[in-house]
Every structure is written in C-alpha cells, then in structure tokens.
C-alpha cells in the first residue's frame, strides 16, 4: 500500500523516542502549557493594578481636599461661649436656647438648644465666623415656646466668658420665699465710719425700704435679701451712708427673684453712670428720604453728695480687658484717661499684650477724682478698635473694658468741622457739623458733648445725605449751645444699614473742640497814614536871593490943561 505520509513534513507522524545522545532538546513550547494564558493573566493584573492605583490616588486626593476644607473652615470658624445668669421662677422641664443674628440677618436664628435651665449653665456656639460681629440672645423655652429671653449681647467672634442674663417673669402656683444676693462694687474715697445699706421695693411700690443697714463699707462687700417672693419683680439699690446721711448710691437694679451674683456699683464721686459691654443709645435711624433727626441724650440722674473728698495722689484704678474677635498677633492695648472737667485723654497704661482677660492698672490717679477712661487696641501705632467709655471714681478695681475686634473698619482720617450759625431768643447757638465721607459707609454716628458727658447734646445715627459722591456731609443741629462754652464733637461710621450698636461702627474720629461766640463789632475804619518817606540827604544850603526892591516910581507931573475960550456967535441950529 502506498505511503500517504507527507514526504517533506518537518513533524514526524510518530515522533521518535528521544535518546541520550541527542544533540538538542525539544522547544519549551512543546513541553509547557500555552504562553498566552499567562499573558492574559498579566494583562488583567496590570489593568486591575492601574484601577487600584487610580482608586487609591482618588482617595488620597479626596482626603487632601477634606483636610484643606477642614483647615479652611477651622481657620475661619470660631467659638462664642459663656454662661447663663438665670433669675426668677423657672418652670419644671424648661430649657435654654441660644440664638444669633449677624449683620446680614433680619431675624434671630437658633444655633444651640436643649440646655438645662439653671443659673450658671454653660453655653457654646462653635460655628461663628472669626472676626465677624453678632448679636447673641438666650431664650427660656418650655414645650418649644419662648417664655423668657435675655437682653442682646453684642460680640465679635471668637469670644469667651460672655454672660446672658434672663429674668424669668413666670409665676409659681404657690408663693415661695427665696433669696436675692450679690456684691457691691465700691469705688472712690470712702469716708471713715461710713456704712453700706441695701434698699428694695417691688415694681408696684413707690418708695424704697431699707432692708439691710450698718454693713462695713468695703469693696466687693456681699449682701443678701432673704425675704423675696419667687417670681416677683424688684428694684434694688445700694447706699453709702454716714450718720444716717446718704453720701452716694448705686444704680437701680431690676431683677426677678430668686437671683444671685448681682452687682451694685457705687462711685463716691457723686454720680453714677453704668456701662455694660455695650450701651446702645435710644436713637432712631431715619430713612434716606427723611431729614436727619437730631436726638438729645437723656441726662443720667445725678446724686448730689454732701461728701467732698480730699484729692490725694497715687490712687490706683485697675481691671481687665474683655477682648473678643480676631486679635492680631502684634496688637497692643492702650488705656487712656481724662479727669472730669478736662478736655483731652492722656495715655496712662501702654504696651499691654493684646489678649482676652489682659489686666491693666493705673497708679497715678487722684483719690476722690472722677475719670472717664477708654481702652484702645492698636496695631503698628494705629487704632484698630476701642472700648466703651467708663466713668469711675478713684480708687477703683474690677473695671472691665470690652473691645470687639472686627475685620475691616478703620478710624476716620479726618476730625469733624464746626461752623457756628446763629442764636435764638434764649441766646443759644445752633451749629453745622461737617464730616468726611467714608467708602462703603451706610450710617454715620455723631456725638456732641461737654467735658462731663460725650453725648449730652447730640447722639444721632443718620444715613448719608442724598448727594452724589460728596467728599463731606453736613448736619445742622438745633439750638443747644451756650455762648463761650467749650464743646466736643466726634463721629464714626458703619457699613451696616440698620445697626444701632457701637461695635458695628468704626473707632471714633479725633475730637474737635469748639465754642460759639458772637462776632466782634467791626471797628470804624481808620485812615491809614502814609508812612513818612525816608528823609533824603540834606541839600546844600542855597542862600535865599536878596530881594531887590522895586524902585519907587517918580510921580509924573500931570500936564495942566489950558482952557480954550468958548467961541461966541456960533450959529444956532434949526
């Protein structure tokens, strides 16, 4: 049979058995599984490796972004925290909520709630914006309803140790005897053998009743009224007495029982003026279409003291600074003071490191003298922010300046200008105040006062005049100013359009001092004498020419007329 095997085939039909003396081995592809399988595995692995790498890289990028976002917001967020001063009857199950209102907000928004309603309760808001100003308020709530609220606290973030006081007006079902207690902040010279007393009255009563007397007259003396009725509103004041004569008294404290840690302040200088974190004058904000409103500050009642202290040098006034907001690293605090009756503030303590709760002290005050004092936060020599003005009698302690640091408002560059206009029938002047316009300003705050009170005559917040980009604005006052008396004017500005609190405004401008006097009568013009010319050199003497008399004229003889005889027998005319 014919062999059908290929003649030229390189692969035998039946491969021969390999022998030991064979000069080469079979190719590996003939001995191992197909190589394409491993290639596919390798490709799959490489693709998965790329996917895993990209996924890992994406995770890392997300982590970095999250960290950056966290750092950004943690850098720009700040806490505002403090405690609750809760007075009055608190219903069972009541809680406290904290609300904020920023410049851009038209209402309050709850930022934390569910705080157990008790005196001294702590609160914190963690998501405020650093360097931004807020109005903070506490609400007493029951079953979701507000049954009490605090006054507003105006503060810049961050801030700590801020106290929100709530006077609960709720009444218990049954009367209960409770306690109202606190301390007395006593400033100034304290006469020997003087005593402290506490007087109280209900809101419905007319006269105060002394409930404590004979207390030792010392600073931070403690007092307690043990017969108050829970839920009842009271007015309380402290008295400094000597031989049953009242020397000085504190402000009137309005509180609902029970209450604790209430401070009554007495200045023995004879007047009391209360300053909290911010005092908001009762002012109106006229709209742009309304003429500016002139507002006269209501004078603070004065207690006339029969005690005249002897001024002794080297009394100490001291305290601390409640510094809130975005505090610069290289900022310093400067304390200034002026004695009542003087016009200029002088630096009394400088170079204090800018930090919250920084302490300050001035040892150069006169004991018994009354001072107005202001603290400034400065950076590179320029005023960045300032405190409220405190009025205090030396010596004094525990005086607190509150400075809120915002980010963008600088002190006006120019001081205001004044022009006295005319007098009325009572011989009082009105004046025109001019002040420099500031970029972005929506409100201006004007104050005119005297050496005792900086807003005694004008305390007005007004919008810009309806003018097209003026360099200055003007404001005309009513007839307030006595002839020859010295007054002081200053102004500040705000980018807010509906704010009435000082910490929304720039630092005050430099003060302008002025007084109004009638013009002197114009004197009758005096003829101006022409100055004598410089005497010229004396000319050489020229002899006066000798007068030559005229010759006496010789009388010329008048010739004698010879009479001619009249002829006779002249013919007669017809």
Foldseek 3Di string as FASTA:
>chain_A
DDDPDDPPDPDDPDDDDDDPVDPDDDDVPVVDDDPVVVVVVVVVVVVVVVVVVVVVVVVVVVVVVVVVVCCVQVVFWFKAKAWEFEFFDADPPKKKWKWKAFLPGPDTDTQDIDHHDDGGTMDMRTGHTFQGKIWMKMFIDDPRDGQWIFHTDIFGPPFYHDYTYIFGLDDDPDKDWAKAKAWEFEFFDADPPKKKWKWKDFPVDDDTDTPGIDHDDDGGHMDMDGGAIGSTKMWMKMFIGDPNHTFWIFDIDIHGPPGYHDYTYTFSLFAYDDDDQFDFFPADEDDQVDAFDWDAGDDDDTGGGPDQDDWAWFFKAKAWEREHGDADQPKWKWKWKDWQPDDDIDTQDTGFGDDGRGMDMGRGGIGSTKMKMKMFIDDPRFGQWIFDIDIHGTPGYHDYTYTHGHDDFGEDPDWKDKDWDAADPVQFTKIKIKDFDDPLFQKKWKAKAASHDGRRGGTHIYGAHPDDPDGMGMDIHDRDAHAPGKMKMKMWTANRNDDRIPNRTYPIYDIDIDGDHDDDDDDDDDDDDDDDDDDDPDDDDDDDDDDDDDDDDDDDDDDDDDDDDDDPPDDDDD
